[in-house]
């Protein structure tokens, strides 16, 4: 008689059935093993169950925090991601300093090891750069050099335009067709002649082109996790040379680092979401919306369980968690794109339009729309929106008149927002609040 056993317990851990004649040394077998006349049939191992098959549990040890060790040594490492997030924050500061040259900011963006580009000496010593990881995922860009070059040119262009168009007019009042400063309540915004804050396009664009792309299309991809001998090495606990972690563990941790690399306690990061200017901040913003409460924990729990599954050599479970992360992080991008488009209608509808407030919302929305091309539909090799679709949205956003955002209509904002929401599992009304 054949029986199939699969027991999952996610409260304190996730359990996979197996059989053994020695309870002290149970073998790891297939996720859904079958027993026939006392024989355990796994993908790689047959186990003599001594004439009977009583399922016993092999646990995926799912810890309460993102804390993993081997032989007393911590195995979690994502210092490269922390470095790039710090670099990104310094670049954003430079984009708001009218005394800095375009060449200086470009050098920060495409940093070379040992060059004094940053205030932080550790960043100067690093061989990392933000530009080298912009639109650089294995799944989307390893064989798409054309789009990669176009995307990197966009970021280079926003830097140059900020310095060439906005910095010279730093003290000039912006108006339709004239770059300069414009009030937004107690804040001052600095916009192009068409009302766009280039620094916001750069910032929110990197949320997609750097952090999201590296997470969902690179480090969580089987093409990276399972590259070379990673599966065999992970199965045998063969660690990277001079390290405490396997290559597969490290790749998963690098994805984690792009979300939580600047949190005060990266093992329990949801206590201080907003630790950087990129994805971490906006997971916190979406979590603060009553319609999406719990999304931050869903992302964290999927990261944690996926890492635990790697330790337990349960790659199907790992991949299931990767799909959850892809969906939820992509939703963050879509929700914020819709949110900013809808929020911008409020100051525009005032008797005297509050253009500074509207342009700030629209510039953030512009960057999040740009980031949609780096999202990933779960169980798919495609983004939620193609580069062509994204480029069309951005053209439409600026095309209601000769002066770009100065002329944008509520109808255009609604049309774009509705098209974005329709592709996801949330409504326009949910994201707009």
Protein backbone atom coordinates (compact mmCIF):
# COMPACT_ATOMS: atom_id res chain seq x y z
CA UNK A 1 0.00 0.00 0.00
CA UNK A 2 1.37 3.41 -0.93
CA UNK A 3 1.06 6.48 1.25
CA UNK A 4 2.19 10.04 0.65
CA UNK A 5 3.05 12.26 3.59
CA UNK A 6 3.57 16.03 3.57
CA UNK A 7 3.31 17.92 6.84
CA UNK A 8 3.90 21.66 6.92
CA UNK A 9 4.01 23.60 10.17
CA UNK A 10 4.93 27.24 9.65
CA UNK A 11 4.31 28.58 13.13
CA UNK A 12 7.59 27.30 14.59
CA UNK A 13 9.12 25.70 11.55
CA UNK A 14 8.29 23.85 8.37
CA UNK A 15 8.35 20.07 8.47
CA UNK A 16 8.95 17.61 5.66
CA UNK A 17 8.21 13.91 6.10
CA UNK A 18 10.77 11.16 5.92
CA UNK A 19 11.25 7.63 7.26
CA UNK A 20 14.09 6.00 9.07
CA UNK A 21 14.87 2.89 11.07
CA UNK A 22 17.01 5.11 13.36
CA UNK A 23 15.17 8.04 14.92
CA UNK A 24 18.46 9.69 15.84
CA UNK A 25 19.71 9.98 12.29
CA UNK A 26 16.79 10.53 9.93
CA UNK A 27 17.71 11.00 6.26
CA UNK A 28 16.46 13.93 4.19
CA UNK A 29 14.44 12.59 1.28
CA UNK A 30 11.96 13.93 -1.25
CA UNK A 31 9.40 16.54 -0.23
CA UNK A 32 6.48 14.17 -0.86
CA UNK A 33 7.91 10.69 -0.30
CA UNK A 34 5.96 7.51 -0.91
CA UNK A 35 6.35 4.29 1.06
CA UNK A 36 5.73 0.86 -0.41
CA UNK A 37 6.22 -2.29 1.68
CA UNK A 38 8.59 -0.54 4.04
CA UNK A 39 10.72 1.16 1.39
CA UNK A 40 11.07 4.94 1.33
CA UNK A 41 11.36 6.10 -2.28
CA UNK A 42 13.06 9.48 -2.55
CA UNK A 43 14.64 11.21 -5.51
CA UNK A 44 18.11 10.21 -4.35
CA UNK A 45 17.75 7.88 -1.35
CA UNK A 46 15.89 4.66 -0.62
CA UNK A 47 15.49 4.06 3.08
CA UNK A 48 14.62 0.72 4.65
CA UNK A 49 11.87 1.51 7.12
CA UNK A 50 12.09 -1.91 8.75
CA UNK A 51 8.90 -3.29 7.28
CA UNK A 52 6.75 -0.28 8.07
CA UNK A 53 6.69 3.35 7.21
CA UNK A 54 5.89 5.76 10.00
CA UNK A 55 6.50 9.36 9.02
CA UNK A 56 8.91 11.29 11.15
CA UNK A 57 9.71 14.97 10.80
CA UNK A 58 12.80 16.63 9.42
CA UNK A 59 12.47 20.28 10.31
CA UNK A 60 13.28 23.37 8.38
CA UNK A 61 14.45 25.41 11.34
CA UNK A 62 12.65 28.68 10.70
CA UNK A 63 14.09 31.08 13.31
CA UNK A 64 12.22 34.05 14.71
CA UNK A 65 14.82 36.45 13.30
CA UNK A 66 17.05 36.45 10.22
CA UNK A 67 19.89 34.82 12.16
CA UNK A 68 21.82 31.87 10.76
CA UNK A 69 25.01 30.22 11.97
CA UNK A 70 27.26 27.30 11.09
CA UNK A 71 29.63 25.85 13.68
CA UNK A 72 29.12 28.90 15.86
CA UNK A 73 29.90 31.38 13.05
CA UNK A 74 27.38 33.80 11.55
CA UNK A 75 26.69 32.88 7.93
CA UNK A 76 24.74 35.98 6.88
CA UNK A 77 26.68 38.56 4.86
CA UNK A 78 25.55 41.40 2.58
CA UNK A 79 28.17 44.11 3.04
CA UNK A 80 28.24 44.93 -0.68
CA UNK A 81 24.55 45.79 -0.63
CA UNK A 82 24.97 47.99 2.44
CA UNK A 83 27.80 49.79 0.65
CA UNK A 84 25.72 50.50 -2.44
CA UNK A 85 22.78 51.75 -0.39
CA UNK A 86 25.11 54.16 1.42
CA UNK A 87 26.54 55.27 -1.92
CA UNK A 88 23.03 55.86 -3.20
CA UNK A 89 22.16 58.04 -0.22
CA UNK A 90 25.27 60.19 -0.74
CA UNK A 91 24.51 60.56 -4.45
CA UNK A 92 21.01 61.79 -3.60
CA UNK A 93 22.51 64.39 -1.27
CA UNK A 94 24.83 65.57 -4.05
CA UNK A 95 21.91 65.94 -6.43
CA UNK A 96 20.52 68.57 -4.04
CA UNK A 97 23.77 70.52 -3.66
CA UNK A 98 23.95 73.17 -6.37
CA UNK A 99 27.69 73.59 -5.86
CA UNK A 100 28.52 70.06 -7.04
CA UNK A 101 29.51 69.41 -10.66
CA UNK A 102 27.96 66.85 -12.96
CA UNK A 103 31.36 65.18 -13.26
CA UNK A 104 31.55 64.77 -9.50
CA UNK A 105 28.09 63.19 -9.27
CA UNK A 106 28.77 60.96 -12.27
CA UNK A 107 31.97 59.79 -10.60
CA UNK A 108 30.02 58.97 -7.43
CA UNK A 109 27.49 57.00 -9.46
CA UNK A 110 30.17 55.06 -11.38
CA UNK A 111 32.63 54.89 -8.48
CA UNK A 112 36.06 53.34 -8.98
CA UNK A 113 37.96 51.76 -6.13
CA UNK A 114 40.20 54.15 -4.23
CA UNK A 115 38.83 57.38 -5.72
CA UNK A 116 37.72 59.97 -3.15
CA UNK A 117 34.16 60.35 -4.43
CA UNK A 118 32.34 60.14 -1.07
CA UNK A 119 32.43 61.68 2.38
CA UNK A 120 32.61 58.16 3.83
CA UNK A 121 36.19 56.88 3.46
CA UNK A 122 34.99 53.27 3.52
CA UNK A 123 32.92 53.94 0.42
CA UNK A 124 35.92 55.42 -1.34
CA UNK A 125 37.94 52.28 -0.59
CA UNK A 126 35.23 50.02 -1.98
CA UNK A 127 35.34 48.42 -5.41
CA UNK A 128 31.52 48.62 -5.59
CA UNK A 129 29.49 51.11 -7.61
CA UNK A 130 25.81 51.87 -8.09
CA UNK A 131 26.00 52.23 -11.87
CA UNK A 132 27.52 48.78 -12.38
CA UNK A 133 24.44 47.22 -10.74
CA UNK A 134 21.87 49.43 -12.48
CA UNK A 135 19.81 47.25 -14.84
CA UNK A 136 22.28 44.41 -14.31
CA UNK A 137 20.19 41.37 -13.38
CA UNK A 138 20.95 37.94 -14.80
CA UNK A 139 17.37 37.31 -15.91
CA UNK A 140 16.55 40.63 -17.57
CA UNK A 141 19.83 42.12 -18.77
CA UNK A 142 22.54 39.49 -19.17
CA UNK A 143 21.51 39.19 -22.82
CA UNK A 144 19.89 42.61 -23.24
CA UNK A 145 22.76 45.07 -23.52
CA UNK A 146 20.63 47.45 -25.59
CA UNK A 147 18.05 48.16 -22.90
CA UNK A 148 20.73 48.16 -20.22
CA UNK A 149 22.58 50.92 -22.04
CA UNK A 150 19.40 52.95 -22.55
CA UNK A 151 18.46 52.67 -18.89
CA UNK A 152 21.90 53.67 -17.63
CA UNK A 153 21.83 56.58 -20.06
CA UNK A 154 18.57 57.74 -18.42
CA UNK A 155 20.28 57.94 -15.01
CA UNK A 156 23.32 59.66 -16.48
CA UNK A 157 20.94 62.07 -18.18
CA UNK A 158 19.05 62.93 -15.00
CA UNK A 159 22.34 63.78 -13.30
CA UNK A 160 23.43 65.99 -16.18
CA UNK A 161 20.04 67.71 -16.47
CA UNK A 162 19.93 68.46 -12.73
CA UNK A 163 23.30 70.20 -12.94
CA UNK A 164 22.86 71.89 -16.32
CA UNK A 165 19.20 72.96 -16.08
CA UNK A 166 18.23 73.19 -12.40
CA UNK A 167 21.40 74.19 -10.55
CA UNK A 168 21.90 77.43 -12.56
CA UNK A 169 18.31 78.45 -11.61
CA UNK A 170 18.59 77.45 -7.95
CA UNK A 171 17.43 80.87 -6.77
CA UNK A 172 15.00 81.48 -9.65
CA UNK A 173 11.25 81.07 -9.17
CA UNK A 174 10.07 78.21 -11.38
CA UNK A 175 7.26 78.82 -13.81
CA UNK A 176 5.86 77.09 -16.88
CA UNK A 177 8.82 76.71 -19.20
CA UNK A 178 11.34 77.94 -16.61
CA UNK A 179 13.37 75.69 -14.28
CA UNK A 180 13.90 76.74 -10.69
CA UNK A 181 12.57 76.55 -7.16
CA UNK A 182 8.96 76.26 -6.12
CA UNK A 183 7.32 76.16 -2.69
CA UNK A 184 5.72 73.02 -1.31
CA UNK A 185 4.34 74.04 2.06
CA UNK A 186 7.37 74.57 4.28
CA UNK A 187 9.63 72.77 1.78
CA UNK A 188 11.26 74.00 -1.40
CA UNK A 189 11.33 71.85 -4.50
CA UNK A 190 13.64 72.29 -7.48
CA UNK A 191 12.12 71.43 -10.84
CA UNK A 192 12.88 71.43 -14.53
CA UNK A 193 11.16 73.72 -16.99
CA UNK A 194 8.51 71.00 -17.31
CA UNK A 195 7.99 70.60 -13.56
CA UNK A 196 9.99 67.39 -13.04
CA UNK A 197 12.31 66.94 -10.07
CA UNK A 198 15.22 65.07 -11.64
CA UNK A 199 16.51 63.98 -8.26
CA UNK A 200 13.20 62.23 -7.57
CA UNK A 201 13.23 60.50 -10.94
CA UNK A 202 16.76 59.31 -10.17
CA UNK A 203 15.89 58.18 -6.63
CA UNK A 204 12.67 56.35 -7.36
CA UNK A 205 14.06 55.01 -10.62
CA UNK A 206 16.87 53.32 -8.69
CA UNK A 207 14.31 51.61 -6.47
CA UNK A 208 13.47 49.64 -9.58
CA UNK A 209 16.68 49.59 -11.60
CA UNK A 210 18.96 48.80 -8.66
CA UNK A 211 17.23 47.30 -5.63
CA UNK A 212 14.18 45.60 -7.16
CA UNK A 213 16.00 44.35 -10.24
CA UNK A 214 18.85 42.91 -8.18
CA UNK A 215 16.46 41.21 -5.76
CA UNK A 216 13.74 39.73 -7.93
CA UNK A 217 15.54 39.26 -11.24
CA UNK A 218 19.02 38.44 -10.05
CA UNK A 219 19.78 37.07 -6.59
CA UNK A 220 16.49 35.20 -6.18
CA UNK A 221 16.76 33.72 -9.67
CA UNK A 222 17.62 30.02 -10.00
CA UNK A 223 20.11 31.17 -12.64
CA UNK A 224 22.09 32.76 -9.80
CA UNK A 225 21.13 30.61 -6.80
CA UNK A 226 21.82 27.35 -8.65
CA UNK A 227 24.75 28.51 -10.79
CA UNK A 228 27.71 26.20 -11.25
CA UNK A 229 28.02 23.69 -8.42
CA UNK A 230 25.92 25.69 -5.96
CA UNK A 231 23.34 22.94 -5.42
CA UNK A 232 25.94 20.22 -4.90
CA UNK A 233 28.00 22.47 -2.62
CA UNK A 234 24.99 23.51 -0.58
CA UNK A 235 23.84 19.91 -0.25
CA UNK A 236 27.28 19.01 1.14
CA UNK A 237 27.69 22.19 3.24
CA UNK A 238 30.72 23.19 1.18
CA UNK A 239 31.35 26.83 2.03
CA UNK A 240 32.88 29.50 -0.18
CA UNK A 241 36.63 29.83 0.16
CA UNK A 242 37.52 31.57 3.39
CA UNK A 243 33.85 32.10 4.30
CA UNK A 244 31.33 30.58 6.68
CA UNK A 245 28.48 30.44 4.13
CA UNK A 246 27.74 28.47 1.00
CA UNK A 247 27.45 30.35 -2.28
CA UNK A 248 23.72 29.74 -2.40
CA UNK A 249 23.22 31.08 1.10
CA UNK A 250 25.22 34.18 0.22
CA UNK A 251 23.26 34.93 -2.94
CA UNK A 252 19.99 34.81 -0.99
CA UNK A 253 21.51 37.07 1.67
CA UNK A 254 22.58 39.58 -0.98
CA UNK A 255 18.95 39.88 -2.08
CA UNK A 256 18.02 40.42 1.56
CA UNK A 257 20.69 43.09 1.89
CA UNK A 258 19.17 45.25 -0.83
CA UNK A 259 16.06 45.54 1.34
CA UNK A 260 17.48 45.58 4.86
CA UNK A 261 21.15 46.50 4.49
CA UNK A 262 20.89 49.76 6.47
CA UNK A 263 18.50 48.69 9.23
CA UNK A 264 19.80 49.13 12.77
CA UNK A 265 19.04 45.45 13.42
CA UNK A 266 19.00 43.69 10.08
CA UNK A 267 17.93 40.44 11.74
CA UNK A 268 14.67 42.11 12.87
CA UNK A 269 14.33 44.96 10.37
CA UNK A 270 10.65 45.84 10.48
CA UNK A 271 11.12 47.82 13.69
CA UNK A 272 12.81 50.68 11.81
CA UNK A 273 11.60 50.61 8.22
CA UNK A 274 12.70 53.76 6.47
CA UNK A 275 16.38 53.14 7.16
CA UNK A 276 17.35 54.14 3.61
CA UNK A 277 15.96 56.21 0.74
CA UNK A 278 15.10 53.22 -1.41
CA UNK A 279 12.94 50.11 -1.15
CA UNK A 280 13.11 49.82 2.63
CA UNK A 281 11.50 53.25 3.07
CA UNK A 282 8.58 52.49 0.78
CA UNK A 283 7.85 49.08 2.23
CA UNK A 284 7.30 51.07 5.40
CA UNK A 285 5.07 53.59 3.64
CA UNK A 286 2.88 50.88 2.13
CA UNK A 287 2.76 49.04 5.47
CA UNK A 288 1.35 52.24 6.95
CA UNK A 289 -1.68 52.06 4.63
CA UNK A 290 -4.55 50.22 6.32
CA UNK A 291 -5.30 48.42 3.05
CA UNK A 292 -1.86 46.78 3.02
CA UNK A 293 -1.05 46.18 6.68
CA UNK A 294 1.04 43.02 6.97
CA UNK A 295 2.90 43.32 3.66
CA UNK A 296 6.17 44.18 5.41
CA UNK A 297 5.98 41.02 7.51
CA UNK A 298 5.02 38.92 4.50
CA UNK A 299 8.18 40.03 2.71
CA UNK A 300 10.37 39.49 5.78
CA UNK A 301 8.89 36.07 6.58
CA UNK A 302 9.37 34.90 2.99
CA UNK A 303 13.01 36.00 3.06
CA UNK A 304 13.56 34.23 6.37
CA UNK A 305 11.83 30.98 5.48
CA UNK A 306 13.52 30.90 2.08
CA UNK A 307 16.92 31.20 3.75
CA UNK A 308 16.01 28.50 6.25
CA UNK A 309 14.93 26.26 3.37
CA UNK A 310 18.36 26.66 1.78
CA UNK A 311 19.97 25.49 5.00
CA UNK A 312 17.63 22.48 4.99
CA UNK A 313 18.30 21.80 1.28
CA UNK A 314 14.61 22.17 0.43
CA UNK A 315 14.78 24.12 -2.82
CA UNK A 316 11.11 23.89 -3.76
CA UNK A 317 10.26 25.71 -0.54
CA UNK A 318 13.03 28.24 -1.27
CA UNK A 319 11.58 28.94 -4.69
CA UNK A 320 8.04 29.31 -3.33
CA UNK A 321 9.29 32.03 -0.99
CA UNK A 322 11.11 33.75 -3.84
CA UNK A 323 7.83 34.00 -5.74
CA UNK A 324 6.15 35.60 -2.72
CA UNK A 325 8.94 38.15 -2.51
CA UNK A 326 8.70 38.91 -6.23
CA UNK A 327 4.98 39.53 -6.01
CA UNK A 328 5.06 41.64 -2.86
CA UNK A 329 8.01 43.83 -3.82
CA UNK A 330 6.48 44.37 -7.25
CA UNK A 331 3.26 45.40 -5.54
CA UNK A 332 5.17 48.01 -3.52
CA UNK A 333 6.29 49.61 -6.80
CA UNK A 334 2.81 49.50 -8.32
CA UNK A 335 1.05 50.79 -5.20
CA UNK A 336 3.34 53.80 -4.87
CA UNK A 337 3.10 54.66 -8.56
CA UNK A 338 -0.69 54.78 -8.31
CA UNK A 339 -0.59 56.56 -4.95
CA UNK A 340 1.48 59.50 -6.18
CA UNK A 341 -0.52 59.97 -9.37
CA UNK A 342 -3.71 60.11 -7.36
CA UNK A 343 -2.31 62.32 -4.60
CA UNK A 344 -1.15 64.88 -7.16
CA UNK A 345 -4.73 65.55 -8.19
CA UNK A 346 -5.51 67.09 -4.79
CA UNK A 347 -3.19 70.14 -4.98
CA UNK A 348 -3.90 70.54 -8.68
CA UNK A 349 -7.64 70.81 -7.95
CA UNK A 350 -7.25 73.74 -5.57
CA UNK A 351 -8.59 77.11 -6.69
CA UNK A 352 -5.00 78.23 -6.89
CA UNK A 353 -3.14 75.04 -7.77
CA UNK A 354 -0.33 74.15 -5.37
CA UNK A 355 2.10 73.21 -8.10
CA UNK A 356 5.04 72.57 -5.79
CA UNK A 357 3.17 69.86 -3.91
CA UNK A 358 1.73 68.41 -7.11
CA UNK A 359 5.11 68.34 -8.88
CA UNK A 360 6.72 66.57 -5.93
CA UNK A 361 4.06 63.85 -6.01
CA UNK A 362 4.24 63.59 -9.78
CA UNK A 363 8.04 63.39 -9.79
CA UNK A 364 7.96 60.55 -7.28
CA UNK A 365 5.23 58.92 -9.34
CA UNK A 366 7.38 59.35 -12.45
CA UNK A 367 10.21 57.42 -10.80
CA UNK A 368 7.95 54.64 -9.58
CA UNK A 369 6.37 54.31 -13.02
CA UNK A 370 9.89 54.02 -14.41
CA UNK A 371 10.57 51.25 -11.90
CA UNK A 372 7.64 49.13 -13.10
CA UNK A 373 9.80 47.66 -15.88
CA UNK A 374 11.97 45.94 -13.24
CA UNK A 375 9.10 44.23 -11.42
CA UNK A 376 8.46 40.52 -11.87
CA UNK A 377 5.23 38.64 -12.24
CA UNK A 378 5.37 35.53 -10.02
CA UNK A 379 5.91 32.24 -11.82
CA UNK A 380 6.88 34.19 -14.93
CA UNK A 381 9.93 35.54 -16.71
CA UNK A 382 8.18 38.85 -17.48
CA UNK A 383 7.78 42.16 -15.64
CA UNK A 384 4.33 43.50 -14.84
CA UNK A 385 4.99 46.20 -17.47
CA UNK A 386 7.45 46.12 -20.35
CA UNK A 387 9.94 48.88 -21.04
CA UNK A 388 7.81 49.96 -24.00
CA UNK A 389 4.70 50.25 -21.84
CA UNK A 390 6.59 52.21 -19.19
CA UNK A 391 8.07 54.57 -21.76
CA UNK A 392 4.57 55.19 -23.11
CA UNK A 393 3.24 56.02 -19.63
CA UNK A 394 6.04 58.54 -19.11
CA UNK A 395 5.46 60.20 -22.47
CA UNK A 396 1.74 60.43 -21.76
CA UNK A 397 2.38 61.95 -18.33
CA UNK A 398 4.28 64.84 -19.90
CA UNK A 399 2.23 65.21 -23.10
CA UNK A 400 -0.90 67.20 -22.12
CA UNK A 401 0.79 70.44 -23.18
CA UNK A 402 4.09 72.00 -24.16
CA UNK A 403 5.05 72.53 -20.51
CA UNK A 404 4.82 68.97 -19.29
CA UNK A 405 3.59 68.60 -15.71
CA UNK A 406 2.38 72.21 -15.66
CA UNK A 407 -0.30 71.09 -18.11
CA UNK A 408 -1.13 67.57 -16.91
CA UNK A 409 -4.84 66.82 -16.48
CA UNK A 410 -6.62 64.70 -13.86
CA UNK A 411 -7.94 62.54 -16.69
CA UNK A 412 -4.41 61.61 -17.73
CA UNK A 413 -3.46 60.80 -14.16
CA UNK A 414 -6.54 58.62 -13.74
CA UNK A 415 -5.94 56.80 -17.01
CA UNK A 416 -2.35 55.90 -16.17
CA UNK A 417 -3.17 55.00 -12.55
CA UNK A 418 -6.05 52.75 -13.56
CA UNK A 419 -3.92 50.96 -16.15
CA UNK A 420 -1.29 50.24 -13.50
CA UNK A 421 -3.74 49.06 -10.84
CA UNK A 422 -5.52 46.78 -13.31
CA UNK A 423 -2.34 44.74 -13.74
CA UNK A 424 -2.03 44.03 -10.01
CA UNK A 425 -4.22 42.46 -7.31
CA UNK A 426 -5.05 45.76 -5.63
CA UNK A 427 -7.59 48.38 -6.64
CA UNK A 428 -6.98 51.96 -7.61
CA UNK A 429 -8.97 53.08 -4.59
CA UNK A 430 -6.84 51.00 -2.21
CA UNK A 431 -3.57 52.39 -3.55
CA UNK A 432 -4.80 55.99 -3.80
CA UNK A 433 -5.36 56.51 -0.09
